[in-house]
Protein backbone atom coordinates (compact mmCIF):
# COMPACT_ATOMS: atom_id res chain seq x y z
CA UNK A 1 0.00 0.00 0.00
CA UNK A 2 1.08 3.56 -0.70
CA UNK A 3 0.52 6.34 1.81
CA UNK A 4 -1.36 9.26 0.28
CA UNK A 5 -1.65 12.71 1.84
CA UNK A 6 -4.42 14.91 0.52
CA UNK A 7 -4.15 18.65 1.08
CA UNK A 8 -7.62 20.20 0.77
CA UNK A 9 -7.03 23.93 0.47
CA UNK A 10 -10.74 24.81 0.20
CA UNK A 11 -11.80 23.12 3.45
CA UNK A 12 -8.43 23.68 5.17
CA UNK A 13 -7.88 19.99 5.95
CA UNK A 14 -5.13 17.44 5.49
CA UNK A 15 -6.13 13.79 5.03
CA UNK A 16 -3.99 10.65 5.24
CA UNK A 17 -5.04 7.37 3.65
CA UNK A 18 -3.48 4.39 1.95
CA UNK A 19 -4.10 3.42 -1.64
CA UNK A 20 -3.20 0.25 -3.56
CA UNK A 21 0.27 0.25 -5.11
CA UNK A 22 -1.13 -0.44 -8.57
CA UNK A 23 -3.13 2.82 -8.77
CA UNK A 24 -1.76 4.78 -11.72
CA UNK A 25 -4.09 7.80 -11.71
CA UNK A 26 -4.23 9.10 -8.16
CA UNK A 27 -6.61 11.96 -8.99
CA UNK A 28 -9.18 9.58 -10.48
CA UNK A 29 -8.86 7.23 -7.52
CA UNK A 30 -9.34 10.07 -5.01
CA UNK A 31 -12.37 11.38 -6.92
CA UNK A 32 -14.05 8.00 -7.41
CA UNK A 33 -13.20 6.11 -4.23
CA UNK A 34 -12.94 8.94 -1.68
CA UNK A 35 -15.49 11.32 -3.22
CA UNK A 36 -13.15 14.33 -3.01
CA UNK A 37 -13.12 17.04 -5.69
CA UNK A 38 -9.65 16.92 -7.22
CA UNK A 39 -9.82 20.57 -8.28
CA UNK A 40 -9.62 21.54 -4.61
CA UNK A 41 -6.64 19.45 -3.54
CA UNK A 42 -2.99 18.59 -3.91
CA UNK A 43 -1.74 15.06 -3.23
CA UNK A 44 1.58 13.69 -2.07
CA UNK A 45 2.31 9.97 -1.96
CA UNK A 46 5.04 7.94 -0.30
CA UNK A 47 5.95 4.28 0.16
CA UNK A 48 6.39 4.95 3.88
CA UNK A 49 4.27 6.94 6.29
CA UNK A 50 5.61 10.47 6.55
CA UNK A 51 6.52 12.24 9.75
CA UNK A 52 4.51 15.42 10.15
CA UNK A 53 6.32 18.15 12.06
CA UNK A 54 4.54 20.87 13.96
CA UNK A 55 6.24 24.27 13.53
C-alpha atoms as a PDB file:
ATOM      1  CA  UNK A   1       0.000   0.000   0.000  1.00  0.00           C
ATOM      2  CA  UNK A   2       1.083   3.558  -0.699  1.00  0.00           C
ATOM      3  CA  UNK A   3       0.525   6.343   1.808  1.00  0.00           C
ATOM      4  CA  UNK A   4      -1.358   9.255   0.285  1.00  0.00           C
ATOM      5  CA  UNK A   5      -1.649  12.706   1.838  1.00  0.00           C
ATOM      6  CA  UNK A   6      -4.419  14.910   0.523  1.00  0.00           C
ATOM      7  CA  UNK A   7      -4.152  18.654   1.083  1.00  0.00           C
ATOM      8  CA  UNK A   8      -7.617  20.197   0.769  1.00  0.00           C
ATOM      9  CA  UNK A   9      -7.028  23.930   0.468  1.00  0.00           C
ATOM     10  CA  UNK A  10     -10.741  24.813   0.201  1.00  0.00           C
ATOM     11  CA  UNK A  11     -11.803  23.117   3.451  1.00  0.00           C
ATOM     12  CA  UNK A  12      -8.434  23.679   5.172  1.00  0.00           C
ATOM     13  CA  UNK A  13      -7.880  19.994   5.954  1.00  0.00           C
ATOM     14  CA  UNK A  14      -5.132  17.435   5.486  1.00  0.00           C
ATOM     15  CA  UNK A  15      -6.125  13.786   5.030  1.00  0.00           C
ATOM     16  CA  UNK A  16      -3.992  10.654   5.238  1.00  0.00           C
ATOM     17  CA  UNK A  17      -5.037   7.366   3.648  1.00  0.00           C
ATOM     18  CA  UNK A  18      -3.475   4.387   1.946  1.00  0.00           C
ATOM     19  CA  UNK A  19      -4.104   3.415  -1.645  1.00  0.00           C
ATOM     20  CA  UNK A  20      -3.203   0.248  -3.557  1.00  0.00           C
ATOM     21  CA  UNK A  21       0.272   0.247  -5.110  1.00  0.00           C
ATOM     22  CA  UNK A  22      -1.127  -0.439  -8.572  1.00  0.00           C
ATOM     23  CA  UNK A  23      -3.129   2.816  -8.768  1.00  0.00           C
ATOM     24  CA  UNK A  24      -1.757   4.777 -11.725  1.00  0.00           C
ATOM     25  CA  UNK A  25      -4.092   7.804 -11.714  1.00  0.00           C
ATOM     26  CA  UNK A  26      -4.230   9.103  -8.157  1.00  0.00           C
ATOM     27  CA  UNK A  27      -6.612  11.959  -8.989  1.00  0.00           C
ATOM     28  CA  UNK A  28      -9.179   9.580 -10.484  1.00  0.00           C
ATOM     29  CA  UNK A  29      -8.860   7.232  -7.516  1.00  0.00           C
ATOM     30  CA  UNK A  30      -9.344  10.070  -5.014  1.00  0.00           C
ATOM     31  CA  UNK A  31     -12.372  11.383  -6.922  1.00  0.00           C
ATOM     32  CA  UNK A  32     -14.055   8.001  -7.410  1.00  0.00           C
ATOM     33  CA  UNK A  33     -13.197   6.111  -4.229  1.00  0.00           C
ATOM     34  CA  UNK A  34     -12.937   8.938  -1.683  1.00  0.00           C
ATOM     35  CA  UNK A  35     -15.488  11.324  -3.223  1.00  0.00           C
ATOM     36  CA  UNK A  36     -13.151  14.333  -3.008  1.00  0.00           C
ATOM     37  CA  UNK A  37     -13.122  17.041  -5.692  1.00  0.00           C
ATOM     38  CA  UNK A  38      -9.651  16.918  -7.221  1.00  0.00           C
ATOM     39  CA  UNK A  39      -9.824  20.570  -8.281  1.00  0.00           C
ATOM     40  CA  UNK A  40      -9.624  21.543  -4.610  1.00  0.00           C
ATOM     41  CA  UNK A  41      -6.639  19.450  -3.539  1.00  0.00           C
ATOM     42  CA  UNK A  42      -2.989  18.592  -3.906  1.00  0.00           C
ATOM     43  CA  UNK A  43      -1.737  15.065  -3.231  1.00  0.00           C
ATOM     44  CA  UNK A  44       1.579  13.691  -2.071  1.00  0.00           C
ATOM     45  CA  UNK A  45       2.312   9.967  -1.956  1.00  0.00           C
ATOM     46  CA  UNK A  46       5.044   7.943  -0.296  1.00  0.00           C
ATOM     47  CA  UNK A  47       5.948   4.285   0.162  1.00  0.00           C
ATOM     48  CA  UNK A  48       6.387   4.951   3.878  1.00  0.00           C
ATOM     49  CA  UNK A  49       4.267   6.943   6.291  1.00  0.00           C
ATOM     50  CA  UNK A  50       5.606  10.474   6.551  1.00  0.00           C
ATOM     51  CA  UNK A  51       6.516  12.235   9.750  1.00  0.00           C
ATOM     52  CA  UNK A  52       4.505  15.416  10.154  1.00  0.00           C
ATOM     53  CA  UNK A  53       6.320  18.147  12.061  1.00  0.00           C
ATOM     54  CA  UNK A  54       4.540  20.874  13.957  1.00  0.00           C
ATOM     55  CA  UNK A  55       6.236  24.267  13.531  1.00  0.00           C
END
